Structures are given as structure tokens and as C-alpha cells.
């Protein structure tokens, strides 16, 4: 089958459109803030991010507890050397 000039241009245009459509739809894209999958999403590697702790200030709480333990160790060290213990604040003594 022999193609004339008009048919060749049509075939070339169709081939070019096909290549363009393949190139456009084969990549992951972002449209309106949404990340849309590529044409290869079934073969992509799975990325898993485990859920973090429910309490968001875990590191801050741990640092505060460590600070309290350090302060208690300092107070215990002073008490062991014979220095007066740091009095914990409490209710005032009763009046006679």
C-alpha cells in the first residue's frame, strides 16, 4: 500500500499526537494542589510513613522529665553531703 503526500502528513500528525499524549499522561503531575498518579503507579515503590505519637510534645515532655530527674539528683547529692535539703513549697505552718 502506497501513501500519498496527504496521507503521510496525516499519519505523521497522528503519530506525533500519540507520542505527545503518551508523554503527557506518563508522568506524575500536580493539578490544582492535587498530586495525580503517573501511568506507572502500579509499578511504583510503596512509601510508608508510620504515624507519629498521638501526644505531639513527646520530646518536650521527655526533656522536662529528664530535667526534673537531674534536679532531684543534684538535691540528693547536696543532702548526702550534709547541706540542708531544699524545702519543697507547701502549706504554711499552723499558727499556735
PDB file of N, CA and C in Angstrom:
ATOM      1  N   UNK A   1       0.839  -1.167   0.000  1.00  0.00           N
ATOM      2  CA  UNK A   1       0.000   0.000   0.000  1.00  0.00           C
ATOM      3  C   UNK A   1       0.891   1.240   0.000  1.00  0.00           C
ATOM      4  N   UNK A   2       0.619   2.104  -0.935  1.00  0.00           N
ATOM      5  CA  UNK A   2       1.421   3.300  -1.087  1.00  0.00           C
ATOM      6  C   UNK A   2       0.617   4.498  -0.595  1.00  0.00           C
ATOM      7  N   UNK A   3       1.285   5.346   0.247  1.00  0.00           N
ATOM      8  CA  UNK A   3       0.611   6.521   0.802  1.00  0.00           C
ATOM      9  C   UNK A   3       0.961   7.746  -0.012  1.00  0.00           C
ATOM     10  N   UNK A   4      -0.031   8.570  -0.279  1.00  0.00           N
ATOM     11  CA  UNK A   4       0.254   9.820  -0.961  1.00  0.00           C
ATOM     12  C   UNK A   4       0.695  10.867   0.055  1.00  0.00           C
ATOM     13  N   UNK A   5       1.036  12.059  -0.369  1.00  0.00           N
ATOM     14  CA  UNK A   5       1.554  13.119   0.498  1.00  0.00           C
ATOM     15  C   UNK A   5       0.592  13.511   1.602  1.00  0.00           C
ATOM     16  N   UNK A   6      -0.703  13.568   1.277  1.00  0.00           N
ATOM     17  CA  UNK A   6      -1.715  13.948   2.266  1.00  0.00           C
ATOM     18  C   UNK A   6      -1.832  12.890   3.358  1.00  0.00           C
ATOM     19  N   UNK A   7      -1.806  11.637   2.970  1.00  0.00           N
ATOM     20  CA  UNK A   7      -1.923  10.548   3.937  1.00  0.00           C
ATOM     21  C   UNK A   7      -0.679  10.467   4.823  1.00  0.00           C
ATOM     22  N   UNK A   8       0.483  10.763   4.255  1.00  0.00           N
ATOM     23  CA  UNK A   8       1.709  10.744   5.052  1.00  0.00           C
ATOM     24  C   UNK A   8       1.669  11.808   6.141  1.00  0.00           C
ATOM     25  N   UNK A   9       1.207  12.983   5.767  1.00  0.00           N
ATOM     26  CA  UNK A   9       1.096  14.046   6.771  1.00  0.00           C
ATOM     27  C   UNK A   9       0.107  13.662   7.853  1.00  0.00           C
ATOM     28  N   UNK A  10      -0.973  13.055   7.468  1.00  0.00           N
ATOM     29  CA  UNK A  10      -1.979  12.617   8.449  1.00  0.00           C
ATOM     30  C   UNK A  10      -1.399  11.559   9.381  1.00  0.00           C
ATOM     31  N   UNK A  11      -0.673  10.609   8.806  1.00  0.00           N
ATOM     32  CA  UNK A  11      -0.067   9.547   9.615  1.00  0.00           C
ATOM     33  C   UNK A  11       0.993  10.131  10.549  1.00  0.00           C
ATOM     34  N   UNK A  12       1.800  11.074  10.038  1.00  0.00           N
ATOM     35  CA  UNK A  12       2.828  11.692  10.867  1.00  0.00           C
ATOM     36  C   UNK A  12       2.196  12.517  11.986  1.00  0.00           C
ATOM     37  N   UNK A  13       1.124  13.233  11.665  1.00  0.00           N
ATOM     38  CA  UNK A  13       0.438  14.028  12.688  1.00  0.00           C
ATOM     39  C   UNK A  13      -0.180  13.122  13.740  1.00  0.00           C
ATOM     40  N   UNK A  14      -0.767  12.023  13.303  1.00  0.00           N
ATOM     41  CA  UNK A  14      -1.360  11.073  14.249  1.00  0.00           C
ATOM     42  C   UNK A  14      -0.283  10.459  15.142  1.00  0.00           C
ATOM     43  N   UNK A  15       0.856  10.112  14.557  1.00  0.00           N
ATOM     44  CA  UNK A  15       1.963   9.557  15.333  1.00  0.00           C
ATOM     45  C   UNK A  15       2.492  10.586  16.329  1.00  0.00           C
ATOM     46  N   UNK A  16       2.622  11.804  15.895  1.00  0.00           N
ATOM     47  CA  UNK A  16       3.093  12.868  16.772  1.00  0.00           C
ATOM     48  C   UNK A  16       2.118  13.111  17.924  1.00  0.00           C
ATOM     49  N   UNK A  17       0.833  13.115  17.624  1.00  0.00           N
ATOM     50  CA  UNK A  17      -0.187  13.275  18.684  1.00  0.00           C
ATOM     51  C   UNK A  17      -0.147  12.111  19.662  1.00  0.00           C
ATOM     52  N   UNK A  18       0.059  10.911  19.135  1.00  0.00           N
ATOM     53  CA  UNK A  18       0.154   9.735  20.000  1.00  0.00           C
ATOM     54  C   UNK A  18       1.355   9.815  20.925  1.00  0.00           C
ATOM     55  N   UNK A  19       2.503  10.225  20.410  1.00  0.00           N
ATOM     56  CA  UNK A  19       3.698  10.384  21.237  1.00  0.00           C
ATOM     57  C   UNK A  19       3.504  11.480  22.285  1.00  0.00           C
ATOM     58  N   UNK A  20       2.878  12.563  21.873  1.00  0.00           N
ATOM     59  CA  UNK A  20       2.620  13.656  22.810  1.00  0.00           C
ATOM     60  C   UNK A  20       1.681  13.202  23.929  1.00  0.00           C
ATOM     61  N   UNK A  21       0.622  12.491  23.584  1.00  0.00           N
ATOM     62  CA  UNK A  21      -0.330  12.010  24.593  1.00  0.00           C
ATOM     63  C   UNK A  21       0.346  11.034  25.548  1.00  0.00           C
ATOM     64  N   UNK A  22       1.219  10.182  25.030  1.00  0.00           N
ATOM     65  CA  UNK A  22       1.945   9.239  25.880  1.00  0.00           C
ATOM     66  C   UNK A  22       2.878   9.987  26.831  1.00  0.00           C
ATOM     67  N   UNK A  23       3.556  10.993  26.304  1.00  0.00           N
ATOM     68  CA  UNK A  23       4.494  11.751  27.143  1.00  0.00           C
ATOM     69  C   UNK A  23       3.756  12.535  28.218  1.00  0.00           C
ATOM     70  N   UNK A  24       2.611  13.083  27.893  1.00  0.00           N
ATOM     71  CA  UNK A  24       1.864  13.906  28.857  1.00  0.00           C
ATOM     72  C   UNK A  24       1.234  13.042  29.943  1.00  0.00           C
ATOM     73  N   UNK A  25       0.701  11.904  29.592  1.00  0.00           N
ATOM     74  CA  UNK A  25      -0.011  11.091  30.578  1.00  0.00           C
ATOM     75  C   UNK A  25       0.890  10.129  31.326  1.00  0.00           C
ATOM     76  N   UNK A  26       2.160  10.015  30.949  1.00  0.00           N
ATOM     77  CA  UNK A  26       3.046   9.056  31.599  1.00  0.00           C
ATOM     78  C   UNK A  26       3.779   9.607  32.791  1.00  0.00           C
ATOM     79  N   UNK A  27       3.557  10.847  33.175  1.00  0.00           N
ATOM     80  CA  UNK A  27       4.298  11.464  34.264  1.00  0.00           C
ATOM     81  C   UNK A  27       3.337  11.879  35.377  1.00  0.00           C
ATOM     82  N   UNK A  28       3.867  11.868  36.585  1.00  0.00           N
ATOM     83  CA  UNK A  28       3.074  12.351  37.706  1.00  0.00           C
ATOM     84  C   UNK A  28       2.956  13.863  37.581  1.00  0.00           C
ATOM     85  N   UNK A  29       1.775  14.363  37.857  1.00  0.00           N
ATOM     86  CA  UNK A  29       1.569  15.800  37.710  1.00  0.00           C
ATOM     87  C   UNK A  29       0.795  16.355  38.892  1.00  0.00           C
ATOM     88  N   UNK A  30       0.859  17.643  39.029  1.00  0.00           N
ATOM     89  CA  UNK A  30       0.129  18.331  40.079  1.00  0.00           C
ATOM     90  C   UNK A  30      -0.845  19.288  39.414  1.00  0.00           C
ATOM     91  N   UNK A  31      -2.127  19.122  39.737  1.00  0.00           N
ATOM     92  CA  UNK A  31      -3.156  19.966  39.156  1.00  0.00           C
ATOM     93  C   UNK A  31      -4.026  20.484  40.287  1.00  0.00           C
ATOM     94  N   UNK A  32      -4.067  21.783  40.470  1.00  0.00           N
ATOM     95  CA  UNK A  32      -4.925  22.372  41.494  1.00  0.00           C
ATOM     96  C   UNK A  32      -4.609  21.906  42.903  1.00  0.00           C
ATOM     97  N   UNK A  33      -3.341  21.646  43.191  1.00  0.00           N
ATOM     98  CA  UNK A  33      -2.955  21.216  44.532  1.00  0.00           C
ATOM     99  C   UNK A  33      -3.053  19.716  44.740  1.00  0.00           C
ATOM    100  N   UNK A  34      -3.587  18.982  43.763  1.00  0.00           N
ATOM    101  CA  UNK A  34      -3.685  17.530  43.873  1.00  0.00           C
ATOM    102  C   UNK A  34      -2.509  16.892  43.143  1.00  0.00           C
ATOM    103  N   UNK A  35      -1.920  15.863  43.742  1.00  0.00           N
ATOM    104  CA  UNK A  35      -0.875  15.116  43.064  1.00  0.00           C
ATOM    105  C   UNK A  35      -1.535  13.930  42.387  1.00  0.00           C
ATOM    106  N   UNK A  36      -1.506  13.919  41.091  1.00  0.00           N
ATOM    107  CA  UNK A  36      -2.151  12.861  40.319  1.00  0.00           C
ATOM    108  C   UNK A  36      -1.119  11.808  39.953  1.00  0.00           C
ATOM    109  N   UNK A  37      -1.529  10.536  39.922  1.00  0.00           N
ATOM    110  CA  UNK A  37      -0.561   9.469  39.670  1.00  0.00           C
ATOM    111  C   UNK A  37      -0.088   9.430  38.228  1.00  0.00           C
ATOM    112  N   UNK A  38       1.062   8.815  38.067  1.00  0.00           N
ATOM    113  CA  UNK A  38       1.597   8.625  36.727  1.00  0.00           C
ATOM    114  C   UNK A  38       0.943   7.395  36.117  1.00  0.00           C
ATOM    115  N   UNK A  39       1.287   7.134  34.880  1.00  0.00           N
ATOM    116  CA  UNK A  39       0.780   5.942  34.219  1.00  0.00           C
ATOM    117  C   UNK A  39       1.413   4.674  34.761  1.00  0.00           C
ATOM    118  N   UNK A  40       2.450   4.812  35.571  1.00  0.00           N
ATOM    119  CA  UNK A  40       3.170   3.657  36.107  1.00  0.00           C
ATOM    120  C   UNK A  40       2.918   3.473  37.600  1.00  0.00           C
ATOM    121  N   UNK A  41       1.797   3.945  38.098  1.00  0.00           N
ATOM    122  CA  UNK A  41       1.568   3.916  39.547  1.00  0.00           C
ATOM    123  C   UNK A  41       1.468   2.503  40.097  1.00  0.00           C
ATOM    124  N   UNK A  42       1.100   1.525  39.263  1.00  0.00           N
ATOM    125  CA  UNK A  42       1.013   0.151  39.755  1.00  0.00           C
ATOM    126  C   UNK A  42       2.396  -0.463  39.971  1.00  0.00           C
ATOM    127  N   UNK A  43       3.411   0.089  39.313  1.00  0.00           N
ATOM    128  CA  UNK A  43       4.771  -0.442  39.453  1.00  0.00           C
ATOM    129  C   UNK A  43       5.643   0.411  40.359  1.00  0.00           C
ATOM    130  N   UNK A  44       5.126   1.498  40.880  1.00  0.00           N
ATOM    131  CA  UNK A  44       5.914   2.369  41.748  1.00  0.00           C
ATOM    132  C   UNK A  44       6.177   1.693  43.088  1.00  0.00           C
ATOM    133  N   UNK A  45       7.294   2.094  43.729  1.00  0.00           N
ATOM    134  CA  UNK A  45       7.578   1.578  45.058  1.00  0.00           C
ATOM    135  C   UNK A  45       6.628   2.247  46.059  1.00  0.00           C
ATOM    136  N   UNK A  46       6.306   1.513  47.090  1.00  0.00           N
ATOM    137  CA  UNK A  46       5.372   1.999  48.093  1.00  0.00           C
ATOM    138  C   UNK A  46       6.152   2.765  49.153  1.00  0.00           C
ATOM    139  N   UNK A  47       5.693   3.950  49.455  1.00  0.00           N
ATOM    140  CA  UNK A  47       6.308   4.724  50.528  1.00  0.00           C
ATOM    141  C   UNK A  47       5.369   4.691  51.711  1.00  0.00           C
ATOM    142  N   UNK A  48       5.896   4.274  52.861  1.00  0.00           N
ATOM    143  CA  UNK A  48       5.084   4.175  54.066  1.00  0.00           C
ATOM    144  C   UNK A  48       5.702   5.039  55.137  1.00  0.00           C
ATOM    145  N   UNK A  49       4.903   5.923  55.682  1.00  0.00           N
ATOM    146  CA  UNK A  49       5.347   6.774  56.778  1.00  0.00           C
ATOM    147  C   UNK A  49       4.505   6.420  57.992  1.00  0.00           C
ATOM    148  N   UNK A  50       5.101   5.773  58.999  1.00  0.00           N
ATOM    149  CA  UNK A  50       4.301   5.382  60.166  1.00  0.00           C
ATOM    150  C   UNK A  50       3.765   6.603  60.892  1.00  0.00           C
ATOM    151  N   UNK A  51       2.630   6.420  61.517  1.00  0.00           N
ATOM    152  CA  UNK A  51       2.011   7.512  62.268  1.00  0.00           C
ATOM    153  C   UNK A  51       2.898   7.885  63.450  1.00  0.00           C
ATOM    154  N   UNK A  52       2.966   9.158  63.724  1.00  0.00           N
ATOM    155  CA  UNK A  52       3.749   9.631  64.855  1.00  0.00           C
ATOM    156  C   UNK A  52       2.978   9.440  66.155  1.00  0.00           C
ATOM    157  N   UNK A  53       3.563   9.868  67.252  1.00  0.00           N
ATOM    158  CA  UNK A  53       2.873   9.712  68.532  1.00  0.00           C
ATOM    159  C   UNK A  53       1.618  10.584  68.579  1.00  0.00           C
ATOM    160  N   UNK A  54       0.619  10.114  69.319  1.00  0.00           N
ATOM    161  CA  UNK A  54      -0.617  10.886  69.440  1.00  0.00           C
ATOM    162  C   UNK A  54      -0.359  12.177  70.219  1.00  0.00           C
ATOM    163  N   UNK A  55       0.520  12.087  71.221  1.00  0.00           N
ATOM    164  CA  UNK A  55       0.867  13.275  72.002  1.00  0.00           C
ATOM    165  C   UNK A  55       2.022  13.957  71.287  1.00  0.00           C
ATOM    166  N   UNK A  56       1.796  15.121  70.748  1.00  0.00           N
ATOM    167  CA  UNK A  56       2.761  15.779  69.870  1.00  0.00           C
ATOM    168  C   UNK A  56       3.977  16.339  70.598  1.00  0.00           C
ATOM    169  N   UNK A  57       3.901  16.511  71.906  1.00  0.00           N
ATOM    170  CA  UNK A  57       5.014  17.107  72.643  1.00  0.00           C
ATOM    171  C   UNK A  57       5.831  16.055  73.394  1.00  0.00           C
ATOM    172  N   UNK A  58       5.995  14.892  72.783  1.00  0.00           N
ATOM    173  CA  UNK A  58       6.697  13.793  73.439  1.00  0.00           C
ATOM    174  C   UNK A  58       8.133  14.174  73.785  1.00  0.00           C
ATOM    175  N   UNK A  59       8.845  14.773  72.854  1.00  0.00           N
ATOM    176  CA  UNK A  59      10.246  15.133  73.113  1.00  0.00           C
ATOM    177  C   UNK A  59      10.344  16.198  74.206  1.00  0.00           C
ATOM    178  N   UNK A  60       9.426  17.156  74.196  1.00  0.00           N
ATOM    179  CA  UNK A  60       9.451  18.194  75.220  1.00  0.00           C
ATOM    180  C   UNK A  60       9.167  17.600  76.595  1.00  0.00           C
ATOM    181  N   UNK A  61       8.203  16.678  76.673  1.00  0.00           N
ATOM    182  CA  UNK A  61       7.880  16.024  77.942  1.00  0.00           C
ATOM    183  C   UNK A  61       9.079  15.219  78.442  1.00  0.00           C
ATOM    184  N   UNK A  62       9.734  14.492  77.545  1.00  0.00           N
ATOM    185  CA  UNK A  62      10.895  13.694  77.935  1.00  0.00           C
ATOM    186  C   UNK A  62      12.019  14.596  78.450  1.00  0.00           C
ATOM    187  N   UNK A  63      12.254  15.728  77.792  1.00  0.00           N
ATOM    188  CA  UNK A  63      13.293  16.658  78.232  1.00  0.00           C
ATOM    189  C   UNK A  63      12.948  17.247  79.597  1.00  0.00           C
ATOM    190  N   UNK A  64      11.673  17.557  79.825  1.00  0.00           N
ATOM    191  CA  UNK A  64      11.256  18.112  81.118  1.00  0.00           C
ATOM    192  C   UNK A  64      11.429  17.078  82.226  1.00  0.00           C
ATOM    193  N   UNK A  65      11.069  15.827  81.953  1.00  0.00           N
ATOM    194  CA  UNK A  65      11.244  14.774  82.956  1.00  0.00           C
ATOM    195  C   UNK A  65      12.726  14.542  83.258  1.00  0.00           C
ATOM    196  N   UNK A  66      13.565  14.591  82.238  1.00  0.00           N
ATOM    197  CA  UNK A  66      14.998  14.429  82.451  1.00  0.00           C
ATOM    198  C   UNK A  66      15.547  15.576  83.289  1.00  0.00           C
ATOM    199  N   UNK A  67      15.072  16.780  83.032  1.00  0.00           N
ATOM    200  CA  UNK A  67      15.484  17.947  83.813  1.00  0.00           C
ATOM    201  C   UNK A  67      15.086  17.762  85.281  1.00  0.00           C
ATOM    202  N   UNK A  68      13.864  17.288  85.517  1.00  0.00           N
ATOM    203  CA  UNK A  68      13.421  17.062  86.903  1.00  0.00           C
ATOM    204  C   UNK A  68      14.288  16.009  87.588  1.00  0.00           C
ATOM    205  N   UNK A  69      14.626  14.939  86.865  1.00  0.00           N
ATOM    206  CA  UNK A  69      15.491  13.910  87.448  1.00  0.00           C
ATOM    207  C   UNK A  69      16.880  14.465  87.764  1.00  0.00           C
ATOM    208  N   UNK A  70      17.400  15.296  86.872  1.00  0.00           N
ATOM    209  CA  UNK A  70      18.706  15.910  87.114  1.00  0.00           C
ATOM    210  C   UNK A  70      18.661  16.819  88.346  1.00  0.00           C
ATOM    211  N   UNK A  71      17.606  17.612  88.465  1.00  0.00           N
ATOM    212  CA  UNK A  71      17.475  18.490  89.623  1.00  0.00           C
ATOM    213  C   UNK A  71      17.334  17.693  90.916  1.00  0.00           C
ATOM    214  N   UNK A  72      16.596  16.583  90.871  1.00  0.00           N
ATOM    215  CA  UNK A  72      16.446  15.733  92.052  1.00  0.00           C
ATOM    216  C   UNK A  72      17.796  15.118  92.429  1.00  0.00           C
ATOM    217  N   UNK A  73      18.578  14.718  91.431  1.00  0.00           N
ATOM    218  CA  UNK A  73      19.897  14.145  91.712  1.00  0.00           C
ATOM    219  C   UNK A  73      20.806  15.191  92.349  1.00  0.00           C
ATOM    220  N   UNK A  74      20.719  16.428  91.900  1.00  0.00           N
ATOM    221  CA  UNK A  74      21.523  17.497  92.498  1.00  0.00           C
ATOM    222  C   UNK A  74      21.104  17.714  93.950  1.00  0.00           C
ATOM    223  N   UNK A  75      19.781  17.751  94.211  1.00  0.00           N
ATOM    224  CA  UNK A  75      19.309  17.936  95.588  1.00  0.00           C
ATOM    225  C   UNK A  75      19.731  16.765  96.471  1.00  0.00           C
ATOM    226  N   UNK A  76      19.628  15.548  95.952  1.00  0.00           N
ATOM    227  CA  UNK A  76      20.028  14.372  96.731  1.00  0.00           C
ATOM    228  C   UNK A  76      21.523  14.406  97.019  1.00  0.00           C
ATOM    229  N   UNK A  77      22.308  14.872  96.059  1.00  0.00           N
ATOM    230  CA  UNK A  77      23.745  14.982  96.267  1.00  0.00           C
ATOM    231  C   UNK A  77      24.069  15.995  97.342  1.00  0.00           C
ATOM    232  N   UNK A  78      23.364  17.110  97.395  1.00  0.00           N
ATOM    233  CA  UNK A  78      23.588  18.124  98.419  1.00  0.00           C
ATOM    234  C   UNK A  78      23.164  17.609  99.784  1.00  0.00           C
ATOM    235  N   UNK A  79      22.074  16.869  99.850  1.00  0.00           N
ATOM    236  CA  UNK A  79      21.605  16.317 101.126  1.00  0.00           C
ATOM    237  C   UNK A  79      22.598  15.289 101.657  1.00  0.00           C
ATOM    238  N   UNK A  80      23.206  14.513 100.771  1.00  0.00           N
ATOM    239  CA  UNK A  80      24.146  13.487 101.205  1.00  0.00           C
ATOM    240  C   UNK A  80      25.418  14.109 101.763  1.00  0.00           C
ATOM    241  N   UNK A  81      25.789  15.314 101.328  1.00  0.00           N
ATOM    242  CA  UNK A  81      26.999  15.956 101.819  1.00  0.00           C
ATOM    243  C   UNK A  81      26.759  16.690 103.135  1.00  0.00           C
ATOM    244  N   UNK A  82      25.549  16.722 103.612  1.00  0.00           N
ATOM    245  CA  UNK A  82      25.278  17.371 104.883  1.00  0.00           C
ATOM    246  C   UNK A  82      24.682  18.756 104.752  1.00  0.00           C
ATOM    247  N   UNK A  83      24.513  19.245 103.568  1.00  0.00           N
ATOM    248  CA  UNK A  83      23.896  20.556 103.392  1.00  0.00           C
ATOM    249  C   UNK A  83      22.407  20.439 103.647  1.00  0.00           C
ATOM    250  N   UNK A  84      21.790  21.510 104.061  1.00  0.00           N
ATOM    251  CA  UNK A  84      20.350  21.424 104.303  1.00  0.00           C
ATOM    252  C   UNK A  84      19.610  21.134 103.007  1.00  0.00           C
ATOM    253  N   UNK A  85      18.582  20.332 103.118  1.00  0.00           N
ATOM    254  CA  UNK A  85      17.794  19.949 101.951  1.00  0.00           C
ATOM    255  C   UNK A  85      16.953  21.126 101.501  1.00  0.00           C
ATOM    256  N   UNK A  86      16.762  21.213 100.245  1.00  0.00           N
ATOM    257  CA  UNK A  86      15.891  22.266  99.712  1.00  0.00           C
ATOM    258  C   UNK A  86      14.461  21.904 100.074  1.00  0.00           C
ATOM    259  N   UNK A  87      13.812  22.824 100.731  1.00  0.00           N
ATOM    260  CA  UNK A  87      12.450  22.576 101.176  1.00  0.00           C
ATOM    261  C   UNK A  87      11.494  22.704 100.006  1.00  0.00           C
ATOM    262  N   UNK A  88      10.619  21.743  99.887  1.00  0.00           N
ATOM    263  CA  UNK A  88       9.594  21.829  98.850  1.00  0.00           C
ATOM    264  C   UNK A  88       8.515  22.775  99.330  1.00  0.00           C
ATOM    265  N   UNK A  89       8.007  23.632  98.479  1.00  0.00           N
ATOM    266  CA  UNK A  89       6.958  24.541  98.923  1.00  0.00           C
ATOM    267  C   UNK A  89       5.716  23.757  99.338  1.00  0.00           C
ATOM    268  N   UNK A  90       5.135  24.185 100.364  1.00  0.00           N
ATOM    269  CA  UNK A  90       3.943  23.514 100.894  1.00  0.00           C
ATOM    270  C   UNK A  90       3.089  24.511 101.662  1.00  0.00           C
ATOM    271  N   UNK A  91       2.107  24.036 102.404  1.00  0.00           N
ATOM    272  CA  UNK A  91       1.261  24.923 103.168  1.00  0.00           C
ATOM    273  C   UNK A  91       2.046  25.545 104.320  1.00  0.00           C
ATOM    274  N   UNK A  92       1.702  26.766 104.716  1.00  0.00           N
ATOM    275  CA  UNK A  92       2.409  27.392 105.839  1.00  0.00           C
ATOM    276  C   UNK A  92       2.130  26.623 107.136  1.00  0.00           C
ATOM    277  N   UNK A  93       3.051  26.719 108.074  1.00  0.00           N
ATOM    278  CA  UNK A  93       2.836  26.015 109.347  1.00  0.00           C
ATOM    279  C   UNK A  93       1.640  26.611 110.095  1.00  0.00           C
ATOM    280  N   UNK A  94       0.949  25.791 110.872  1.00  0.00           N
ATOM    281  CA  UNK A  94      -0.228  26.302 111.613  1.00  0.00           C
ATOM    282  C   UNK A  94       0.192  27.285 112.707  1.00  0.00           C
ATOM    283  N   UNK A  95      -0.636  28.267 112.953  1.00  0.00           N
ATOM    284  CA  UNK A  95      -0.349  29.258 113.992  1.00  0.00           C
ATOM    285  C   UNK A  95      -0.847  28.724 115.330  1.00  0.00           C
ATOM    286  N   UNK A  96      -0.047  28.964 116.398  1.00  0.00           N
ATOM    287  CA  UNK A  96      -0.443  28.468 117.724  1.00  0.00           C
ATOM    288  C   UNK A  96      -1.557  29.264 118.357  1.00  0.00           C
TER     289      UNK A  96
END
